[in-house]
Amino acid sequence: MAASVFAIGLTTVIVQILDSRSSEPNLDNVTVRIERRVDVTRPWVFPAGSKDLSTAPAGEGSCSNKGADWLLRSGALEQDQNIVDVILVSDNDGTVVIKDVTPAEVVDQDPAAGTSKTICAGGGPNVLAFDLDLRRGSAMLEEALPVPDQLGYYELTEGEAKVFSIRAIAHDGSYKWKARLTLSRGEQDRIIQINDKGKPFLVTS
């Protein structure tokens, strides 16, 4: 397991690395890395007790790693959605199938009271994601650019990373959530736990 923050504007935080390998072309040859996106271009809710907004980085700093770091330490909650990237890297060529994305734990609470603010002007990129509706506890694919080889099917080339996203959507409330991802390759299935270093992710509407 490792943790780091990188990129400008749209930041990812590595929360899990799962790696097991064998000489056979199955899921044991696939490294799975889970990264949380920290999008400074989207609104965040600052409840009572969070950092004063006046301490946020100014100017270009708000759209950089400094802005993302500040948000993570501020006590603010992402508004409307969390996005988690799943990165697949294989030791050999082959197809991996995303069979299922389901909630493993969802705690529904009242919406967080506070100030909604975006610290960086601009828009984030389009996302191809499994949408996890936390209110309904269901996942569905939503098409957005860029589209992969086939929705749910990923052709892996040895050493090349393939990325897809899970987008947890909040409706009329605040949510603590974890999810469970099922991958399939050949006759082998593998369950990946989606969480924030063992803790639930937090999002509010």
N, C-alpha and C. Protein backbone atom coordinates (compact mmCIF):
# COMPACT_ATOMS: atom_id res chain seq x y z
N MET A 1 0.84 -1.18 0.00
CA MET A 1 0.00 0.00 0.00
C MET A 1 0.87 1.23 0.00
N ALA A 2 0.47 2.25 -0.78
CA ALA A 2 1.27 3.45 -0.86
C ALA A 2 0.34 4.65 -0.95
N ALA A 3 0.89 5.83 -0.72
CA ALA A 3 0.08 7.03 -0.81
C ALA A 3 0.90 8.14 -1.41
N SER A 4 0.29 8.90 -2.34
CA SER A 4 0.96 10.05 -2.91
C SER A 4 -0.06 10.95 -3.56
N VAL A 5 0.32 12.18 -3.85
CA VAL A 5 -0.55 13.14 -4.52
C VAL A 5 0.22 13.71 -5.69
N PHE A 6 -0.43 13.79 -6.87
CA PHE A 6 0.28 14.32 -8.01
C PHE A 6 -0.71 14.91 -9.00
N ALA A 7 -0.21 15.53 -10.08
CA ALA A 7 -0.98 16.13 -11.17
C ALA A 7 -1.42 17.54 -10.79
N ILE A 8 -1.95 18.25 -11.76
CA ILE A 8 -2.38 19.63 -11.56
C ILE A 8 -3.86 19.71 -11.82
N GLY A 9 -4.60 20.37 -10.93
CA GLY A 9 -6.03 20.56 -11.10
C GLY A 9 -6.81 19.34 -10.66
N LEU A 10 -6.56 18.21 -11.28
CA LEU A 10 -7.23 16.96 -10.92
C LEU A 10 -6.19 16.07 -10.29
N THR A 11 -6.33 15.82 -9.01
CA THR A 11 -5.31 15.11 -8.24
C THR A 11 -5.82 13.74 -7.86
N THR A 12 -4.92 12.76 -7.84
CA THR A 12 -5.29 11.43 -7.39
C THR A 12 -4.47 11.07 -6.17
N VAL A 13 -5.11 10.34 -5.28
CA VAL A 13 -4.45 9.86 -4.08
C VAL A 13 -4.51 8.34 -4.10
N ILE A 14 -3.35 7.70 -4.12
CA ILE A 14 -3.32 6.24 -4.14
C ILE A 14 -3.76 5.72 -2.78
N VAL A 15 -4.79 4.89 -2.76
CA VAL A 15 -5.26 4.36 -1.49
C VAL A 15 -5.06 2.85 -1.37
N GLN A 16 -4.84 2.16 -2.48
CA GLN A 16 -4.59 0.72 -2.39
C GLN A 16 -3.75 0.27 -3.57
N ILE A 17 -2.86 -0.67 -3.35
CA ILE A 17 -2.18 -1.39 -4.42
C ILE A 17 -2.28 -2.88 -4.09
N LEU A 18 -2.87 -3.64 -5.01
CA LEU A 18 -3.06 -5.06 -4.79
C LEU A 18 -2.31 -5.80 -5.89
N ASP A 19 -1.35 -6.63 -5.53
CA ASP A 19 -0.45 -7.22 -6.51
C ASP A 19 -0.15 -8.67 -6.15
N SER A 20 -0.55 -9.60 -7.02
CA SER A 20 -0.18 -11.00 -6.86
C SER A 20 0.04 -11.58 -8.24
N ARG A 21 1.07 -12.39 -8.43
CA ARG A 21 1.45 -12.80 -9.77
C ARG A 21 1.74 -14.29 -9.84
N SER A 22 1.52 -14.84 -11.04
CA SER A 22 1.90 -16.21 -11.34
C SER A 22 2.29 -16.27 -12.80
N SER A 23 2.72 -17.44 -13.27
CA SER A 23 3.14 -17.57 -14.67
C SER A 23 1.96 -17.78 -15.61
N GLU A 24 0.76 -18.04 -15.09
CA GLU A 24 -0.41 -18.29 -15.92
C GLU A 24 -1.15 -16.98 -16.20
N PRO A 25 -1.80 -16.86 -17.39
CA PRO A 25 -2.52 -15.63 -17.74
C PRO A 25 -3.87 -15.53 -17.03
N ASN A 26 -3.86 -15.24 -15.75
CA ASN A 26 -5.10 -15.09 -15.01
C ASN A 26 -5.01 -13.82 -14.16
N LEU A 27 -5.92 -13.65 -13.25
CA LEU A 27 -5.96 -12.42 -12.46
C LEU A 27 -4.78 -12.30 -11.50
N ASP A 28 -4.08 -13.41 -11.25
CA ASP A 28 -2.88 -13.32 -10.42
C ASP A 28 -1.78 -12.52 -11.11
N ASN A 29 -1.91 -12.34 -12.43
CA ASN A 29 -0.94 -11.56 -13.19
C ASN A 29 -1.30 -10.08 -13.27
N VAL A 30 -2.40 -9.70 -12.64
CA VAL A 30 -2.90 -8.32 -12.77
C VAL A 30 -2.68 -7.56 -11.47
N THR A 31 -1.99 -6.43 -11.57
CA THR A 31 -1.86 -5.51 -10.44
C THR A 31 -3.01 -4.52 -10.51
N VAL A 32 -3.68 -4.32 -9.38
CA VAL A 32 -4.81 -3.40 -9.31
C VAL A 32 -4.44 -2.27 -8.36
N ARG A 33 -4.55 -1.04 -8.86
CA ARG A 33 -4.26 0.13 -8.02
C ARG A 33 -5.51 0.98 -7.92
N ILE A 34 -5.86 1.37 -6.70
CA ILE A 34 -7.04 2.19 -6.45
C ILE A 34 -6.58 3.61 -6.11
N GLU A 35 -7.10 4.60 -6.84
CA GLU A 35 -6.72 5.98 -6.61
C GLU A 35 -7.96 6.86 -6.47
N ARG A 36 -7.98 7.66 -5.44
CA ARG A 36 -9.06 8.62 -5.24
C ARG A 36 -8.75 9.91 -5.99
N ARG A 37 -9.70 10.42 -6.74
CA ARG A 37 -9.53 11.70 -7.41
C ARG A 37 -9.88 12.83 -6.43
N VAL A 38 -9.09 13.87 -6.48
CA VAL A 38 -9.39 15.08 -5.71
C VAL A 38 -9.52 16.20 -6.74
N ASP A 39 -10.75 16.54 -7.08
CA ASP A 39 -11.01 17.50 -8.16
C ASP A 39 -11.24 18.88 -7.56
N VAL A 40 -10.26 19.76 -7.71
CA VAL A 40 -10.36 21.10 -7.14
C VAL A 40 -11.28 21.99 -7.96
N THR A 41 -11.74 21.53 -9.14
CA THR A 41 -12.63 22.33 -9.98
C THR A 41 -14.09 22.13 -9.62
N ARG A 42 -14.38 21.17 -8.74
CA ARG A 42 -15.76 20.89 -8.34
C ARG A 42 -16.04 21.52 -6.98
N PRO A 43 -17.34 21.72 -6.65
CA PRO A 43 -17.67 22.30 -5.34
C PRO A 43 -17.44 21.33 -4.20
N TRP A 44 -17.00 21.86 -3.08
CA TRP A 44 -16.83 21.13 -1.83
C TRP A 44 -17.63 21.86 -0.76
N VAL A 45 -18.15 21.10 0.20
CA VAL A 45 -18.94 21.68 1.29
C VAL A 45 -18.07 21.79 2.53
N PHE A 46 -18.04 22.98 3.12
CA PHE A 46 -17.23 23.26 4.30
C PHE A 46 -18.14 23.39 5.52
N PRO A 47 -18.28 22.32 6.30
CA PRO A 47 -19.15 22.37 7.49
C PRO A 47 -18.48 23.14 8.62
N ALA A 48 -19.25 23.37 9.68
CA ALA A 48 -18.70 24.03 10.87
C ALA A 48 -17.53 23.21 11.40
N GLY A 49 -16.45 23.90 11.77
CA GLY A 49 -15.28 23.21 12.28
C GLY A 49 -14.23 22.93 11.23
N SER A 50 -14.56 23.12 9.94
CA SER A 50 -13.56 22.93 8.89
C SER A 50 -12.69 24.18 8.79
N LYS A 51 -11.67 24.12 7.96
CA LYS A 51 -10.74 25.24 7.84
C LYS A 51 -11.44 26.47 7.27
N ASP A 52 -10.94 27.65 7.69
CA ASP A 52 -11.45 28.90 7.17
C ASP A 52 -11.10 29.00 5.68
N LEU A 53 -12.09 29.37 4.87
CA LEU A 53 -11.86 29.45 3.43
C LEU A 53 -10.80 30.48 3.07
N SER A 54 -10.58 31.43 3.95
CA SER A 54 -9.57 32.45 3.66
C SER A 54 -8.16 31.88 3.65
N THR A 55 -7.99 30.67 4.18
CA THR A 55 -6.66 30.04 4.21
C THR A 55 -6.39 29.20 2.97
N ALA A 56 -7.36 29.12 2.05
CA ALA A 56 -7.16 28.35 0.82
C ALA A 56 -6.10 29.00 -0.05
N PRO A 57 -5.31 28.22 -0.80
CA PRO A 57 -4.31 28.80 -1.69
C PRO A 57 -4.96 29.76 -2.68
N ALA A 58 -4.27 30.84 -2.99
CA ALA A 58 -4.81 31.85 -3.91
C ALA A 58 -4.21 31.67 -5.30
N GLY A 59 -4.91 32.21 -6.31
CA GLY A 59 -4.39 32.22 -7.66
C GLY A 59 -4.18 30.82 -8.22
N GLU A 60 -3.07 30.66 -8.93
CA GLU A 60 -2.78 29.37 -9.57
C GLU A 60 -2.59 28.26 -8.55
N GLY A 61 -2.20 28.61 -7.33
CA GLY A 61 -2.01 27.59 -6.31
C GLY A 61 -3.26 26.82 -5.98
N SER A 62 -4.42 27.46 -6.14
CA SER A 62 -5.69 26.79 -5.84
C SER A 62 -5.99 25.66 -6.82
N CYS A 63 -5.40 25.71 -8.02
CA CYS A 63 -5.65 24.71 -9.05
C CYS A 63 -4.53 23.67 -9.14
N SER A 64 -3.63 23.69 -8.19
CA SER A 64 -2.46 22.81 -8.23
C SER A 64 -2.52 21.80 -7.09
N ASN A 65 -1.42 21.11 -6.88
CA ASN A 65 -1.32 20.17 -5.76
C ASN A 65 -1.60 20.86 -4.43
N LYS A 66 -1.21 22.13 -4.33
CA LYS A 66 -1.44 22.86 -3.08
C LYS A 66 -2.93 22.94 -2.77
N GLY A 67 -3.72 23.21 -3.79
CA GLY A 67 -5.16 23.27 -3.58
C GLY A 67 -5.74 21.93 -3.18
N ALA A 68 -5.28 20.85 -3.84
CA ALA A 68 -5.77 19.51 -3.51
C ALA A 68 -5.36 19.11 -2.10
N ASP A 69 -4.11 19.38 -1.75
CA ASP A 69 -3.64 19.07 -0.39
C ASP A 69 -4.45 19.83 0.65
N TRP A 70 -4.71 21.09 0.36
CA TRP A 70 -5.46 21.92 1.30
C TRP A 70 -6.87 21.36 1.50
N LEU A 71 -7.52 20.96 0.40
CA LEU A 71 -8.87 20.40 0.52
C LEU A 71 -8.88 19.13 1.37
N LEU A 72 -7.89 18.27 1.18
CA LEU A 72 -7.84 17.02 1.94
C LEU A 72 -7.66 17.26 3.43
N ARG A 73 -6.97 18.35 3.78
CA ARG A 73 -6.72 18.65 5.18
C ARG A 73 -7.78 19.57 5.79
N SER A 74 -8.67 20.09 4.96
CA SER A 74 -9.56 21.16 5.42
C SER A 74 -10.75 20.69 6.24
N GLY A 75 -11.11 19.41 6.09
CA GLY A 75 -12.34 18.93 6.72
C GLY A 75 -13.55 19.08 5.82
N ALA A 76 -13.34 19.56 4.59
CA ALA A 76 -14.44 19.72 3.63
C ALA A 76 -14.86 18.37 3.06
N LEU A 77 -16.10 18.32 2.56
CA LEU A 77 -16.64 17.11 1.94
C LEU A 77 -16.88 17.38 0.46
N GLU A 78 -16.54 16.40 -0.37
CA GLU A 78 -16.85 16.53 -1.79
C GLU A 78 -18.36 16.59 -1.97
N GLN A 79 -18.81 17.47 -2.86
CA GLN A 79 -20.24 17.66 -3.06
C GLN A 79 -20.72 16.86 -4.27
N ASP A 80 -21.77 16.11 -4.07
CA ASP A 80 -22.50 15.37 -5.11
C ASP A 80 -21.84 14.07 -5.55
N GLN A 81 -20.52 13.99 -5.57
CA GLN A 81 -19.91 12.75 -6.05
C GLN A 81 -18.48 12.58 -5.55
N ASN A 82 -18.09 11.31 -5.41
CA ASN A 82 -16.68 10.92 -5.28
C ASN A 82 -16.32 10.15 -6.55
N ILE A 83 -15.09 10.30 -7.01
CA ILE A 83 -14.61 9.50 -8.13
C ILE A 83 -13.35 8.75 -7.69
N VAL A 84 -13.37 7.45 -7.93
CA VAL A 84 -12.24 6.60 -7.60
C VAL A 84 -11.79 5.91 -8.89
N ASP A 85 -10.52 6.03 -9.21
CA ASP A 85 -9.96 5.38 -10.40
C ASP A 85 -9.42 4.00 -10.05
N VAL A 86 -9.65 3.06 -10.94
CA VAL A 86 -9.11 1.71 -10.81
C VAL A 86 -8.14 1.50 -11.97
N ILE A 87 -6.88 1.25 -11.65
CA ILE A 87 -5.83 1.08 -12.67
C ILE A 87 -5.42 -0.39 -12.71
N LEU A 88 -5.50 -0.98 -13.90
CA LEU A 88 -5.15 -2.38 -14.09
C LEU A 88 -3.86 -2.48 -14.91
N VAL A 89 -2.91 -3.25 -14.43
CA VAL A 89 -1.67 -3.50 -15.17
C VAL A 89 -1.42 -5.00 -15.15
N SER A 90 -1.23 -5.58 -16.34
CA SER A 90 -1.06 -7.03 -16.44
C SER A 90 0.36 -7.39 -16.87
N ASP A 91 0.82 -8.58 -16.43
CA ASP A 91 2.11 -9.12 -16.85
C ASP A 91 2.04 -9.76 -18.24
N ASN A 92 0.82 -9.93 -18.77
CA ASN A 92 0.69 -10.54 -20.08
C ASN A 92 -0.58 -10.03 -20.75
N ASP A 93 -0.75 -10.35 -22.03
CA ASP A 93 -1.90 -9.89 -22.79
C ASP A 93 -3.15 -10.69 -22.40
N GLY A 94 -4.30 -10.06 -22.54
CA GLY A 94 -5.55 -10.76 -22.26
C GLY A 94 -6.65 -9.80 -21.90
N THR A 95 -7.85 -10.35 -21.70
CA THR A 95 -9.03 -9.55 -21.40
C THR A 95 -9.40 -9.68 -19.93
N VAL A 96 -9.73 -8.53 -19.32
CA VAL A 96 -10.29 -8.52 -17.97
C VAL A 96 -11.70 -7.94 -18.06
N VAL A 97 -12.64 -8.60 -17.40
CA VAL A 97 -14.04 -8.18 -17.43
C VAL A 97 -14.42 -7.59 -16.08
N ILE A 98 -15.05 -6.42 -16.11
CA ILE A 98 -15.63 -5.83 -14.90
C ILE A 98 -17.02 -6.44 -14.75
N LYS A 99 -17.16 -7.40 -13.85
CA LYS A 99 -18.43 -8.12 -13.72
C LYS A 99 -19.45 -7.36 -12.89
N ASP A 100 -18.98 -6.66 -11.85
CA ASP A 100 -19.94 -6.09 -10.91
C ASP A 100 -19.29 -5.01 -10.07
N VAL A 101 -20.04 -3.97 -9.76
CA VAL A 101 -19.64 -2.97 -8.77
C VAL A 101 -20.83 -2.78 -7.84
N THR A 102 -20.66 -3.13 -6.57
CA THR A 102 -21.77 -3.07 -5.63
C THR A 102 -21.34 -2.38 -4.34
N PRO A 103 -22.28 -1.75 -3.63
CA PRO A 103 -21.93 -1.17 -2.33
C PRO A 103 -21.56 -2.26 -1.33
N ALA A 104 -20.49 -2.04 -0.60
CA ALA A 104 -20.13 -2.95 0.49
C ALA A 104 -20.61 -2.38 1.82
N GLU A 105 -20.74 -1.06 1.87
CA GLU A 105 -21.19 -0.39 3.10
C GLU A 105 -21.64 1.01 2.72
N VAL A 106 -22.86 1.37 3.08
CA VAL A 106 -23.36 2.72 2.84
C VAL A 106 -24.09 3.20 4.09
N VAL A 107 -23.66 4.32 4.63
CA VAL A 107 -24.32 4.95 5.78
C VAL A 107 -24.90 6.27 5.31
N ASP A 108 -26.23 6.39 5.38
CA ASP A 108 -26.96 7.55 4.90
C ASP A 108 -27.23 8.50 6.07
N GLN A 109 -26.89 9.78 5.90
CA GLN A 109 -27.11 10.78 6.93
C GLN A 109 -27.73 12.01 6.30
N ASP A 110 -28.11 12.99 7.13
CA ASP A 110 -28.63 14.24 6.61
C ASP A 110 -27.53 14.97 5.84
N PRO A 111 -27.91 15.82 4.86
CA PRO A 111 -26.88 16.59 4.15
C PRO A 111 -26.05 17.42 5.11
N ALA A 112 -24.77 17.55 4.81
CA ALA A 112 -23.89 18.35 5.67
C ALA A 112 -24.24 19.83 5.52
N ALA A 113 -24.39 20.51 6.65
CA ALA A 113 -24.65 21.94 6.63
C ALA A 113 -23.32 22.67 6.54
N GLY A 114 -23.24 23.62 5.64
CA GLY A 114 -22.00 24.37 5.50
C GLY A 114 -22.00 25.18 4.23
N THR A 115 -20.87 25.76 3.92
CA THR A 115 -20.71 26.61 2.75
C THR A 115 -20.17 25.80 1.59
N SER A 116 -20.82 25.90 0.43
CA SER A 116 -20.37 25.23 -0.77
C SER A 116 -19.46 26.18 -1.55
N LYS A 117 -18.26 25.70 -1.87
CA LYS A 117 -17.30 26.57 -2.56
C LYS A 117 -16.42 25.76 -3.49
N THR A 118 -16.10 26.34 -4.63
CA THR A 118 -15.12 25.79 -5.56
C THR A 118 -13.87 26.65 -5.48
N ILE A 119 -12.73 26.06 -5.21
CA ILE A 119 -11.53 26.87 -5.01
C ILE A 119 -10.77 27.11 -6.30
N CYS A 120 -11.12 26.39 -7.38
CA CYS A 120 -10.41 26.56 -8.65
C CYS A 120 -11.43 26.66 -9.78
N ALA A 121 -11.41 27.76 -10.52
CA ALA A 121 -12.32 27.92 -11.65
C ALA A 121 -11.89 27.02 -12.79
N GLY A 122 -12.85 26.45 -13.48
CA GLY A 122 -12.53 25.56 -14.60
C GLY A 122 -13.35 24.30 -14.50
N GLY A 123 -13.22 23.45 -15.50
CA GLY A 123 -13.97 22.20 -15.51
C GLY A 123 -13.05 21.00 -15.60
N GLY A 124 -13.46 19.90 -15.00
CA GLY A 124 -12.68 18.68 -15.05
C GLY A 124 -12.94 17.93 -16.34
N PRO A 125 -12.20 16.86 -16.61
CA PRO A 125 -12.37 16.08 -17.84
C PRO A 125 -13.62 15.22 -17.79
N ASN A 126 -14.08 14.78 -18.97
CA ASN A 126 -15.16 13.80 -19.02
C ASN A 126 -14.66 12.49 -18.42
N VAL A 127 -15.58 11.75 -17.83
CA VAL A 127 -15.20 10.52 -17.13
C VAL A 127 -16.07 9.37 -17.61
N LEU A 128 -15.44 8.25 -17.97
CA LEU A 128 -16.17 7.00 -18.21
C LEU A 128 -16.20 6.27 -16.89
N ALA A 129 -17.40 6.07 -16.34
CA ALA A 129 -17.46 5.56 -14.98
C ALA A 129 -18.60 4.57 -14.80
N PHE A 130 -18.40 3.66 -13.83
CA PHE A 130 -19.51 2.92 -13.26
C PHE A 130 -20.14 3.85 -12.24
N ASP A 131 -21.39 4.25 -12.48
CA ASP A 131 -22.06 5.15 -11.55
C ASP A 131 -22.70 4.34 -10.42
N LEU A 132 -22.29 4.63 -9.20
CA LEU A 132 -22.80 3.94 -8.02
C LEU A 132 -23.75 4.89 -7.33
N ASP A 133 -25.06 4.65 -7.48
CA ASP A 133 -26.08 5.50 -6.87
C ASP A 133 -26.21 5.10 -5.41
N LEU A 134 -25.70 5.92 -4.51
CA LEU A 134 -25.67 5.54 -3.09
C LEU A 134 -27.06 5.48 -2.48
N ARG A 135 -27.99 6.20 -3.04
CA ARG A 135 -29.37 6.15 -2.53
C ARG A 135 -30.03 4.82 -2.89
N ARG A 136 -29.79 4.35 -4.10
CA ARG A 136 -30.42 3.12 -4.57
C ARG A 136 -29.56 1.90 -4.32
N GLY A 137 -28.26 2.13 -4.08
CA GLY A 137 -27.36 1.00 -3.86
C GLY A 137 -27.17 0.16 -5.10
N SER A 138 -27.09 0.83 -6.27
CA SER A 138 -26.92 0.09 -7.51
C SER A 138 -25.85 0.76 -8.36
N ALA A 139 -25.28 0.00 -9.28
CA ALA A 139 -24.26 0.53 -10.16
C ALA A 139 -24.69 0.36 -11.61
N MET A 140 -24.35 1.32 -12.45
CA MET A 140 -24.65 1.21 -13.87
C MET A 140 -23.55 1.94 -14.64
N LEU A 141 -23.35 1.52 -15.86
CA LEU A 141 -22.37 2.18 -16.71
C LEU A 141 -22.98 3.41 -17.37
N GLU A 142 -22.25 4.48 -17.37
CA GLU A 142 -22.66 5.68 -18.09
C GLU A 142 -21.62 5.97 -19.15
N GLU A 143 -22.06 6.16 -20.37
CA GLU A 143 -21.13 6.42 -21.45
C GLU A 143 -20.68 7.88 -21.44
N ALA A 144 -19.41 8.10 -21.52
CA ALA A 144 -18.82 9.42 -21.66
C ALA A 144 -17.47 9.22 -22.34
N LEU A 145 -16.97 10.22 -22.98
CA LEU A 145 -15.70 10.07 -23.68
C LEU A 145 -14.54 10.07 -22.70
N PRO A 146 -13.45 9.34 -22.94
CA PRO A 146 -13.30 8.40 -24.05
C PRO A 146 -13.91 7.04 -23.74
N VAL A 147 -14.39 6.35 -24.76
CA VAL A 147 -14.99 5.03 -24.58
C VAL A 147 -13.91 3.96 -24.73
N PRO A 148 -13.81 2.99 -23.83
CA PRO A 148 -12.80 1.93 -23.95
C PRO A 148 -13.16 0.93 -25.03
N ASP A 149 -12.40 -0.15 -25.10
CA ASP A 149 -12.59 -1.15 -26.15
C ASP A 149 -14.05 -1.59 -26.23
N GLN A 150 -14.60 -1.96 -25.11
CA GLN A 150 -16.01 -2.34 -25.00
C GLN A 150 -16.38 -2.14 -23.54
N LEU A 151 -17.54 -1.54 -23.29
CA LEU A 151 -17.89 -1.21 -21.92
C LEU A 151 -17.87 -2.47 -21.04
N GLY A 152 -17.04 -2.43 -20.01
CA GLY A 152 -16.95 -3.55 -19.09
C GLY A 152 -15.86 -4.55 -19.45
N TYR A 153 -15.34 -4.46 -20.68
CA TYR A 153 -14.30 -5.38 -21.14
C TYR A 153 -13.02 -4.58 -21.43
N TYR A 154 -11.90 -5.04 -20.88
CA TYR A 154 -10.65 -4.31 -21.05
C TYR A 154 -9.58 -5.24 -21.60
N GLU A 155 -9.10 -4.92 -22.80
CA GLU A 155 -8.01 -5.68 -23.40
C GLU A 155 -6.70 -5.16 -22.84
N LEU A 156 -6.00 -5.98 -22.08
CA LEU A 156 -4.76 -5.58 -21.45
C LEU A 156 -3.56 -6.04 -22.27
N THR A 157 -2.65 -5.13 -22.50
CA THR A 157 -1.37 -5.44 -23.13
C THR A 157 -0.31 -5.46 -22.04
N GLU A 158 0.61 -6.39 -22.14
CA GLU A 158 1.63 -6.55 -21.11
C GLU A 158 2.29 -5.22 -20.75
N GLY A 159 2.22 -4.87 -19.46
CA GLY A 159 2.88 -3.68 -18.96
C GLY A 159 2.12 -2.38 -19.16
N GLU A 160 1.02 -2.39 -19.92
CA GLU A 160 0.27 -1.17 -20.19
C GLU A 160 -0.86 -1.00 -19.16
N ALA A 161 -1.05 0.21 -18.68
CA ALA A 161 -2.10 0.48 -17.69
C ALA A 161 -3.42 0.80 -18.38
N LYS A 162 -4.50 0.23 -17.88
CA LYS A 162 -5.86 0.57 -18.29
C LYS A 162 -6.58 1.16 -17.09
N VAL A 163 -7.36 2.21 -17.31
CA VAL A 163 -8.00 2.92 -16.21
C VAL A 163 -9.50 3.00 -16.45
N PHE A 164 -10.28 2.72 -15.42
CA PHE A 164 -11.70 3.04 -15.44
C PHE A 164 -12.05 3.64 -14.08
N SER A 165 -13.22 4.23 -13.98
CA SER A 165 -13.57 4.97 -12.77
C SER A 165 -14.87 4.48 -12.16
N ILE A 166 -14.97 4.63 -10.86
CA ILE A 166 -16.22 4.41 -10.13
C ILE A 166 -16.64 5.76 -9.58
N ARG A 167 -17.85 6.18 -9.91
CA ARG A 167 -18.35 7.47 -9.47
C ARG A 167 -19.53 7.24 -8.52
N ALA A 168 -19.33 7.55 -7.25
CA ALA A 168 -20.38 7.40 -6.24
C ALA A 168 -21.16 8.70 -6.15
N ILE A 169 -22.47 8.61 -6.34
CA ILE A 169 -23.31 9.80 -6.46
C ILE A 169 -24.20 9.93 -5.24
N ALA A 170 -24.20 11.13 -4.64
CA ALA A 170 -25.02 11.42 -3.46
C ALA A 170 -26.30 12.14 -3.89
N HIS A 171 -27.43 11.72 -3.34
CA HIS A 171 -28.70 12.39 -3.57
C HIS A 171 -29.33 12.70 -2.21
N ASP A 172 -29.59 13.95 -1.95
CA ASP A 172 -30.38 14.35 -0.77
C ASP A 172 -29.83 13.77 0.53
N GLY A 173 -28.54 13.86 0.73
CA GLY A 173 -27.99 13.38 1.98
C GLY A 173 -26.48 13.34 1.96
N SER A 174 -25.91 12.94 3.08
CA SER A 174 -24.47 12.68 3.18
C SER A 174 -24.27 11.18 3.32
N TYR A 175 -23.18 10.69 2.77
CA TYR A 175 -22.96 9.25 2.74
C TYR A 175 -21.53 8.91 3.11
N LYS A 176 -21.38 7.87 3.91
CA LYS A 176 -20.12 7.18 4.08
C LYS A 176 -20.26 5.88 3.29
N TRP A 177 -19.28 5.58 2.45
CA TRP A 177 -19.47 4.40 1.60
C TRP A 177 -18.16 3.67 1.32
N LYS A 178 -18.32 2.37 1.12
CA LYS A 178 -17.29 1.50 0.56
C LYS A 178 -17.97 0.68 -0.53
N ALA A 179 -17.18 0.14 -1.45
CA ALA A 179 -17.76 -0.66 -2.52
C ALA A 179 -16.94 -1.93 -2.73
N ARG A 180 -17.51 -2.81 -3.52
CA ARG A 180 -16.87 -4.08 -3.84
C ARG A 180 -16.89 -4.25 -5.35
N LEU A 181 -15.72 -4.47 -5.93
CA LEU A 181 -15.57 -4.63 -7.37
C LEU A 181 -15.21 -6.08 -7.67
N THR A 182 -15.90 -6.67 -8.65
CA THR A 182 -15.60 -8.04 -9.06
C THR A 182 -15.00 -8.03 -10.46
N LEU A 183 -13.76 -8.53 -10.56
CA LEU A 183 -13.08 -8.69 -11.83
C LEU A 183 -13.12 -10.15 -12.25
N SER A 184 -13.08 -10.39 -13.55
CA SER A 184 -13.08 -11.76 -14.07
C SER A 184 -12.08 -11.87 -15.21
N ARG A 185 -11.35 -12.99 -15.22
CA ARG A 185 -10.44 -13.30 -16.32
C ARG A 185 -10.42 -14.81 -16.49
N GLY A 186 -10.86 -15.27 -17.65
CA GLY A 186 -10.99 -16.70 -17.83
C GLY A 186 -12.05 -17.25 -16.88
N GLU A 187 -11.67 -18.25 -16.10
CA GLU A 187 -12.61 -18.83 -15.14
C GLU A 187 -12.38 -18.31 -13.73
N GLN A 188 -11.53 -17.31 -13.59
CA GLN A 188 -11.17 -16.81 -12.27
C GLN A 188 -11.85 -15.47 -11.99
N ASP A 189 -12.43 -15.34 -10.81
CA ASP A 189 -12.97 -14.08 -10.32
C ASP A 189 -12.11 -13.56 -9.20
N ARG A 190 -12.11 -12.25 -9.03
CA ARG A 190 -11.35 -11.63 -7.94
C ARG A 190 -12.15 -10.44 -7.42
N ILE A 191 -12.32 -10.36 -6.12
CA ILE A 191 -13.06 -9.28 -5.49
C ILE A 191 -12.08 -8.25 -4.95
N ILE A 192 -12.29 -6.99 -5.33
CA ILE A 192 -11.45 -5.88 -4.90
C ILE A 192 -12.28 -4.97 -3.99
N GLN A 193 -11.76 -4.69 -2.82
CA GLN A 193 -12.45 -3.79 -1.90
C GLN A 193 -12.08 -2.34 -2.23
N ILE A 194 -13.08 -1.51 -2.41
CA ILE A 194 -12.88 -0.10 -2.74
C ILE A 194 -13.15 0.73 -1.49
N ASN A 195 -12.10 1.30 -0.92
CA ASN A 195 -12.25 2.13 0.28
C ASN A 195 -11.08 3.10 0.36
N ASP A 196 -11.13 3.99 1.33
CA ASP A 196 -10.11 5.02 1.50
C ASP A 196 -9.15 4.59 2.61
N LYS A 197 -8.17 3.75 2.23
CA LYS A 197 -7.21 3.21 3.19
C LYS A 197 -7.90 2.49 4.33
N GLY A 198 -8.94 1.74 4.01
CA GLY A 198 -9.68 0.97 4.99
C GLY A 198 -10.88 1.71 5.55
N LYS A 199 -10.91 3.01 5.39
CA LYS A 199 -12.02 3.83 5.90
C LYS A 199 -13.00 4.11 4.76
N PRO A 200 -14.24 4.49 5.10
CA PRO A 200 -15.18 4.83 4.04
C PRO A 200 -14.87 6.19 3.40
N PHE A 201 -15.26 6.34 2.15
CA PHE A 201 -15.24 7.65 1.52
C PHE A 201 -16.42 8.47 2.04
N LEU A 202 -16.33 9.79 1.95
CA LEU A 202 -17.38 10.68 2.42
C LEU A 202 -17.80 11.60 1.28
N VAL A 203 -19.12 11.77 1.12
CA VAL A 203 -19.65 12.67 0.10
C VAL A 203 -20.99 13.21 0.59
N THR A 204 -21.34 14.43 0.18
CA THR A 204 -22.60 15.04 0.59
C THR A 204 -23.27 15.68 -0.62
N SER A 205 -24.59 15.78 -0.59
CA SER A 205 -25.32 16.41 -1.70
C SER A 205 -25.38 17.91 -1.47
